[in-house]
PDB file of N, CA and C in Angstrom:
ATOM      1  N   MET A   1     155.282  63.276 127.414  1.00  0.00           N
ATOM      2  CA  MET A   1     156.014  64.308 127.830  1.00  0.00           C
ATOM      3  C   MET A   1     155.836  65.089 126.818  1.00  0.00           C
ATOM      4  N   PRO A   2     155.633  66.352 127.836  1.00  0.00           N
ATOM      5  CA  PRO A   2     155.482  67.694 127.040  1.00  0.00           C
ATOM      6  C   PRO A   2     156.164  67.540 126.169  1.00  0.00           C
ATOM      7  N   ASN A   3     156.311  68.484 125.192  1.00  0.00           N
ATOM      8  CA  ASN A   3     157.505  69.584 124.546  1.00  0.00           C
ATOM      9  C   ASN A   3     157.986  70.653 124.310  1.00  0.00           C
ATOM     10  N   LEU A   4     159.037  70.924 125.048  1.00  0.00           N
ATOM     11  CA  LEU A   4     159.595  72.443 125.222  1.00  0.00           C
ATOM     12  C   LEU A   4     160.200  73.209 124.120  1.00  0.00           C
ATOM     13  N   GLY A   5     159.136  74.375 124.550  1.00  0.00           N
ATOM     14  CA  GLY A   5     159.763  75.465 123.029  1.00  0.00           C
ATOM     15  C   GLY A   5     160.605  76.423 123.545  1.00  0.00           C
ATOM     16  N   PRO A   6     160.991  77.190 122.945  1.00  0.00           N
ATOM     17  CA  PRO A   6     161.876  78.307 123.679  1.00  0.00           C
ATOM     18  C   PRO A   6     161.486  79.056 124.339  1.00  0.00           C
ATOM     19  N   THR A   7     159.940  78.942 124.265  1.00  0.00           N
ATOM     20  CA  THR A   7     159.841  80.034 125.545  1.00  0.00           C
ATOM     21  C   THR A   7     159.950  79.053 126.613  1.00  0.00           C
ATOM     22  N   GLU A   8     158.996  78.359 126.828  1.00  0.00           N
ATOM     23  CA  GLU A   8     159.076  77.399 128.454  1.00  0.00           C
ATOM     24  C   GLU A   8     160.904  77.235 128.452  1.00  0.00           C
ATOM     25  N   LEU A   9     161.760  76.814 127.516  1.00  0.00           N
ATOM     26  CA  LEU A   9     162.927  77.296 128.108  1.00  0.00           C
ATOM     27  C   LEU A   9     164.165  78.616 128.740  1.00  0.00           C
ATOM     28  N   ILE A  10     163.411  79.421 128.284  1.00  0.00           N
ATOM     29  CA  ILE A  10     163.840  81.216 128.718  1.00  0.00           C
ATOM     30  C   ILE A  10     163.379  81.032 129.911  1.00  0.00           C
ATOM     31  N   ILE A  11     161.839  81.042 130.275  1.00  0.00           N
ATOM     32  CA  ILE A  11     161.657  80.831 131.431  1.00  0.00           C
ATOM     33  C   ILE A  11     162.136  79.963 132.532  1.00  0.00           C
ATOM     34  N   ILE A  12     162.416  78.377 132.234  1.00  0.00           N
ATOM     35  CA  ILE A  12     163.526  77.938 133.138  1.00  0.00           C
ATOM     36  C   ILE A  12     164.480  78.646 133.192  1.00  0.00           C
ATOM     37  N   LEU A  13     165.669  79.263 132.758  1.00  0.00           N
ATOM     38  CA  LEU A  13     166.365  79.359 132.376  1.00  0.00           C
ATOM     39  C   LEU A  13     166.664  81.015 133.603  1.00  0.00           C
ATOM     40  N   VAL A  14     165.576  81.471 133.470  1.00  0.00           N
ATOM     41  CA  VAL A  14     165.046  82.768 133.906  1.00  0.00           C
ATOM     42  C   VAL A  14     165.096  82.357 135.570  1.00  0.00           C
ATOM     43  N   ILE A  15     163.922  80.867 135.955  1.00  0.00           N
ATOM     44  CA  ILE A  15     164.461  80.334 136.946  1.00  0.00           C
ATOM     45  C   ILE A  15     165.385  80.113 138.395  1.00  0.00           C
ATOM     46  N   VAL A  16     166.308  79.512 137.505  1.00  0.00           N
ATOM     47  CA  VAL A  16     167.145  78.632 137.338  1.00  0.00           C
ATOM     48  C   VAL A  16     168.448  80.212 137.460  1.00  0.00           C
ATOM     49  N   LEU A  17     168.505  80.945 137.424  1.00  0.00           N
ATOM     50  CA  LEU A  17     169.427  82.251 137.603  1.00  0.00           C
ATOM     51  C   LEU A  17     168.785  83.054 138.078  1.00  0.00           C
ATOM     52  N   ALA A  18     167.663  82.929 138.946  1.00  0.00           N
ATOM     53  CA  ALA A  18     166.826  83.440 140.057  1.00  0.00           C
ATOM     54  C   ALA A  18     167.029  82.781 141.458  1.00  0.00           C
ATOM     55  N   VAL A  19     167.759  81.463 141.332  1.00  0.00           N
ATOM     56  CA  VAL A  19     167.649  80.423 142.831  1.00  0.00           C
ATOM     57  C   VAL A  19     169.260  80.929 142.711  1.00  0.00           C
ATOM     58  N   PHE A  20     169.447  80.548 141.703  1.00  0.00           N
ATOM     59  CA  PHE A  20     171.113  80.180 141.727  1.00  0.00           C
ATOM     60  C   PHE A  20     172.175  81.207 141.588  1.00  0.00           C
ATOM     61  N   GLY A  21     171.831  82.021 140.889  1.00  0.00           N
ATOM     62  CA  GLY A  21     172.418  82.994 140.818  1.00  0.00           C
ATOM     63  C   GLY A  21     173.616  82.793 139.416  1.00  0.00           C
ATOM     64  N   ALA A  22     174.087  84.074 139.057  1.00  0.00           N
ATOM     65  CA  ALA A  22     175.195  83.565 137.431  1.00  0.00           C
ATOM     66  C   ALA A  22     176.346  82.858 137.694  1.00  0.00           C
ATOM     67  N   GLY A  23     177.012  83.010 139.057  1.00  0.00           N
ATOM     68  CA  GLY A  23     177.820  82.966 139.795  1.00  0.00           C
ATOM     69  C   GLY A  23     178.421  81.092 139.725  1.00  0.00           C
ATOM     70  N   ARG A  24     177.201  80.798 140.439  1.00  0.00           N
ATOM     71  CA  ARG A  24     177.457  79.593 140.542  1.00  0.00           C
ATOM     72  C   ARG A  24     176.566  78.330 139.205  1.00  0.00           C
ATOM     73  N   LEU A  25     176.379  78.840 137.836  1.00  0.00           N
ATOM     74  CA  LEU A  25     175.918  78.626 136.924  1.00  0.00           C
ATOM     75  C   LEU A  25     176.671  77.381 136.496  1.00  0.00           C
ATOM     76  N   PRO A  26     178.129  77.759 136.406  1.00  0.00           N
ATOM     77  CA  PRO A  26     179.077  76.304 135.607  1.00  0.00           C
ATOM     78  C   PRO A  26     179.085  75.628 136.507  1.00  0.00           C
ATOM     79  N   GLU A  27     179.298  76.039 137.850  1.00  0.00           N
ATOM     80  CA  GLU A  27     179.635  74.995 138.530  1.00  0.00           C
ATOM     81  C   GLU A  27     178.485  73.914 138.842  1.00  0.00           C
ATOM     82  N   LEU A  28     176.672  74.511 138.894  1.00  0.00           N
ATOM     83  CA  LEU A  28     176.043  73.135 138.201  1.00  0.00           C
ATOM     84  C   LEU A  28     176.104  72.381 137.753  1.00  0.00           C
ATOM     85  N   GLY A  29     176.210  73.159 136.045  1.00  0.00           N
ATOM     86  CA  GLY A  29     176.818  72.753 134.721  1.00  0.00           C
ATOM     87  C   GLY A  29     177.506  71.432 135.051  1.00  0.00           C
ATOM     88  N   GLY A  30     178.192  72.038 135.418  1.00  0.00           N
ATOM     89  CA  GLY A  30     179.738  70.803 135.849  1.00  0.00           C
ATOM     90  C   GLY A  30     179.016  69.439 136.553  1.00  0.00           C
ATOM     91  N   ALA A  31     178.165  69.957 137.481  1.00  0.00           N
ATOM     92  CA  ALA A  31     178.012  68.614 138.092  1.00  0.00           C
ATOM     93  C   ALA A  31     176.234  67.771 137.983  1.00  0.00           C
ATOM     94  N   ILE A  32     175.599  68.504 136.673  1.00  0.00           N
ATOM     95  CA  ILE A  32     174.634  67.824 136.313  1.00  0.00           C
ATOM     96  C   ILE A  32     175.441  67.098 134.594  1.00  0.00           C
ATOM     97  N   GLY A  33     176.223  67.895 134.612  1.00  0.00           N
ATOM     98  CA  GLY A  33     177.504  66.323 133.577  1.00  0.00           C
ATOM     99  C   GLY A  33     177.879  65.515 133.960  1.00  0.00           C
ATOM    100  N   ARG A  34     178.440  65.812 135.199  1.00  0.00           N
ATOM    101  CA  ARG A  34     179.164  64.820 136.273  1.00  0.00           C
ATOM    102  C   ARG A  34     177.931  63.361 135.810  1.00  0.00           C
ATOM    103  N   GLY A  35     176.955  63.744 136.729  1.00  0.00           N
ATOM    104  CA  GLY A  35     176.081  63.382 136.887  1.00  0.00           C
ATOM    105  C   GLY A  35     175.390  62.270 135.986  1.00  0.00           C
ATOM    106  N   ILE A  36     175.431  62.716 134.801  1.00  0.00           N
ATOM    107  CA  ILE A  36     174.625  62.100 133.547  1.00  0.00           C
ATOM    108  C   ILE A  36     175.858  61.227 133.387  1.00  0.00           C
ATOM    109  N   ARG A  37     177.194  61.814 133.222  1.00  0.00           N
ATOM    110  CA  ARG A  37     178.266  61.160 132.932  1.00  0.00           C
ATOM    111  C   ARG A  37     178.308  59.624 133.451  1.00  0.00           C
ATOM    112  N   ASP A  38     177.989  59.828 134.841  1.00  0.00           N
ATOM    113  CA  ASP A  38     177.945  58.381 136.102  1.00  0.00           C
ATOM    114  C   ASP A  38     176.739  57.463 135.843  1.00  0.00           C
ATOM    115  N   PHE A  39     176.372  58.227 135.540  1.00  0.00           N
ATOM    116  CA  PHE A  39     175.139  57.034 134.791  1.00  0.00           C
ATOM    117  C   PHE A  39     175.377  56.226 133.971  1.00  0.00           C
ATOM    118  N   ARG A  40     175.407  57.102 132.756  1.00  0.00           N
ATOM    119  CA  ARG A  40     175.639  56.166 131.547  1.00  0.00           C
ATOM    120  C   ARG A  40     176.436  55.250 131.849  1.00  0.00           C
ATOM    121  N   LYS A  41     177.817  55.835 132.677  1.00  0.00           N
ATOM    122  CA  LYS A  41     178.967  54.746 132.749  1.00  0.00           C
ATOM    123  C   LYS A  41     178.602  53.460 133.344  1.00  0.00           C
ATOM    124  N   ALA A  42     177.270  53.344 134.892  1.00  0.00           N
ATOM    125  CA  ALA A  42     176.606  52.672 135.583  1.00  0.00           C
ATOM    126  C   ALA A  42     176.298  51.758 134.412  1.00  0.00           C
ATOM    127  N   LEU A  43     175.297  52.098 133.158  1.00  0.00           N
ATOM    128  CA  LEU A  43     174.301  51.369 132.779  1.00  0.00           C
ATOM    129  C   LEU A  43     175.000  50.672 132.094  1.00  0.00           C
ATOM    130  N   ARG A  44     176.920  51.311 131.317  1.00  0.00           N
ATOM    131  CA  ARG A  44     177.271  50.846 130.317  1.00  0.00           C
ATOM    132  C   ARG A  44     177.715  48.953 131.045  1.00  0.00           C
ATOM    133  N   GLU A  45     178.315  49.329 132.209  1.00  0.00           N
ATOM    134  CA  GLU A  45     179.130  48.687 133.198  1.00  0.00           C
ATOM    135  C   GLU A  45     178.139  47.242 133.689  1.00  0.00           C
ATOM    136  N   ASP A  46     176.480  48.000 133.447  1.00  0.00           N
ATOM    137  CA  ASP A  46     175.392  47.086 133.852  1.00  0.00           C
ATOM    138  C   ASP A  46     175.529  46.129 133.211  1.00  0.00           C
ATOM    139  N   GLU A  47     174.993  46.653 131.771  1.00  0.00           N
ATOM    140  CA  GLU A  47     175.026  46.037 130.078  1.00  0.00           C
ATOM    141  C   GLU A  47     176.226  45.177 129.611  1.00  0.00           C
ATOM    142  N   GLU A  48     177.311  45.256 130.479  1.00  0.00           N
ATOM    143  CA  GLU A  48     178.746  44.721 129.983  1.00  0.00           C
ATOM    144  C   GLU A  48     178.316  43.094 130.967  1.00  0.00           C
ATOM    145  N   THR A  49     178.335  43.046 132.439  1.00  0.00           N
ATOM    146  CA  THR A  49     177.843  42.425 132.558  1.00  0.00           C
ATOM    147  C   THR A  49     177.199  40.855 132.842  1.00  0.00           C
ATOM    148  N   GLY A  50     175.872  42.021 131.860  1.00  0.00           N
ATOM    149  CA  GLY A  50     175.101  41.404 131.728  1.00  0.00           C
ATOM    150  C   GLY A  50     173.505  40.634 133.075  1.00  0.00           C
ATOM    151  N   THR A  51     174.865  41.552 133.923  1.00  0.00           N
ATOM    152  CA  THR A  51     173.366  40.867 135.129  1.00  0.00           C
ATOM    153  C   THR A  51     172.568  41.940 135.570  1.00  0.00           C
ATOM    154  N   GLU A  52     171.506  41.754 135.818  1.00  0.00           N
ATOM    155  CA  GLU A  52     170.320  42.171 136.157  1.00  0.00           C
ATOM    156  C   GLU A  52     169.791  41.720 137.267  1.00  0.00           C
ATOM    157  N   GLU A  53     169.562  42.590 138.150  1.00  0.00           N
ATOM    158  CA  GLU A  53     169.075  42.499 139.088  1.00  0.00           C
ATOM    159  C   GLU A  53     167.392  41.861 140.073  1.00  0.00           C
ATOM    160  N   GLN A  54     167.517  40.325 140.126  1.00  0.00           N
ATOM    161  CA  GLN A  54     166.030  40.424 139.667  1.00  0.00           C
ATOM    162  C   GLN A  54     165.380  41.210 140.957  1.00  0.00           C
ATOM    163  N   PRO A  55     164.103  41.200 140.758  1.00  0.00           N
ATOM    164  CA  PRO A  55     163.089  41.011 142.082  1.00  0.00           C
ATOM    165  C   PRO A  55     163.407  40.304 143.239  1.00  0.00           C
ATOM    166  N   GLN A  56     163.382  40.408 144.552  1.00  0.00           N
ATOM    167  CA  GLN A  56     163.354  39.686 145.683  1.00  0.00           C
ATOM    168  C   GLN A  56     162.234  39.287 146.435  1.00  0.00           C
ATOM    169  N   THR A  57     161.730  37.634 146.222  1.00  0.00           N
ATOM    170  CA  THR A  57     160.788  36.911 146.625  1.00  0.00           C
ATOM    171  C   THR A  57     160.415  36.449 147.762  1.00  0.00           C
ATOM    172  N   GLN A  58     159.778  36.842 149.123  1.00  0.00           N
ATOM    173  CA  GLN A  58     159.936  36.007 149.696  1.00  0.00           C
ATOM    174  C   GLN A  58     158.567  35.695 149.761  1.00  0.00           C
ATOM    175  N   ASP A  59     158.582  34.190 150.706  1.00  0.00           N
ATOM    176  CA  ASP A  59     157.246  33.043 150.991  1.00  0.00           C
ATOM    177  C   ASP A  59     157.273  33.172 152.521  1.00  0.00           C
ATOM    178  N   VAL A  60     155.913  33.860 152.295  1.00  0.00           N
ATOM    179  CA  VAL A  60     155.104  34.407 153.381  1.00  0.00           C
ATOM    180  C   VAL A  60     154.531  33.222 153.679  1.00  0.00           C
ATOM    181  N   THR A  61     154.179  32.387 154.531  1.00  0.00           N
ATOM    182  CA  THR A  61     152.995  31.351 154.954  1.00  0.00           C
ATOM    183  C   THR A  61     152.565  31.768 156.052  1.00  0.00           C
ATOM    184  N   SER A  62     151.025  31.976 156.351  1.00  0.00           N
ATOM    185  CA  SER A  62     150.997  31.752 158.284  1.00  0.00           C
ATOM    186  C   SER A  62     150.382  30.529 158.027  1.00  0.00           C
TER     187      SER A  62
END
């Protein structure tokens, strides 16, 4: 994964501002934060239950 320096982060921020506008940034940040929080919560719950989905295999015979 490439390292992002300050210049790249500023460029990304400018692009996000151009696409979404300054008024929607708090809303967008909140949605991203909720998504990350829900994802981490689901990972924690999966680790607590100890259940991992096993890949389903089908026996196909001709």
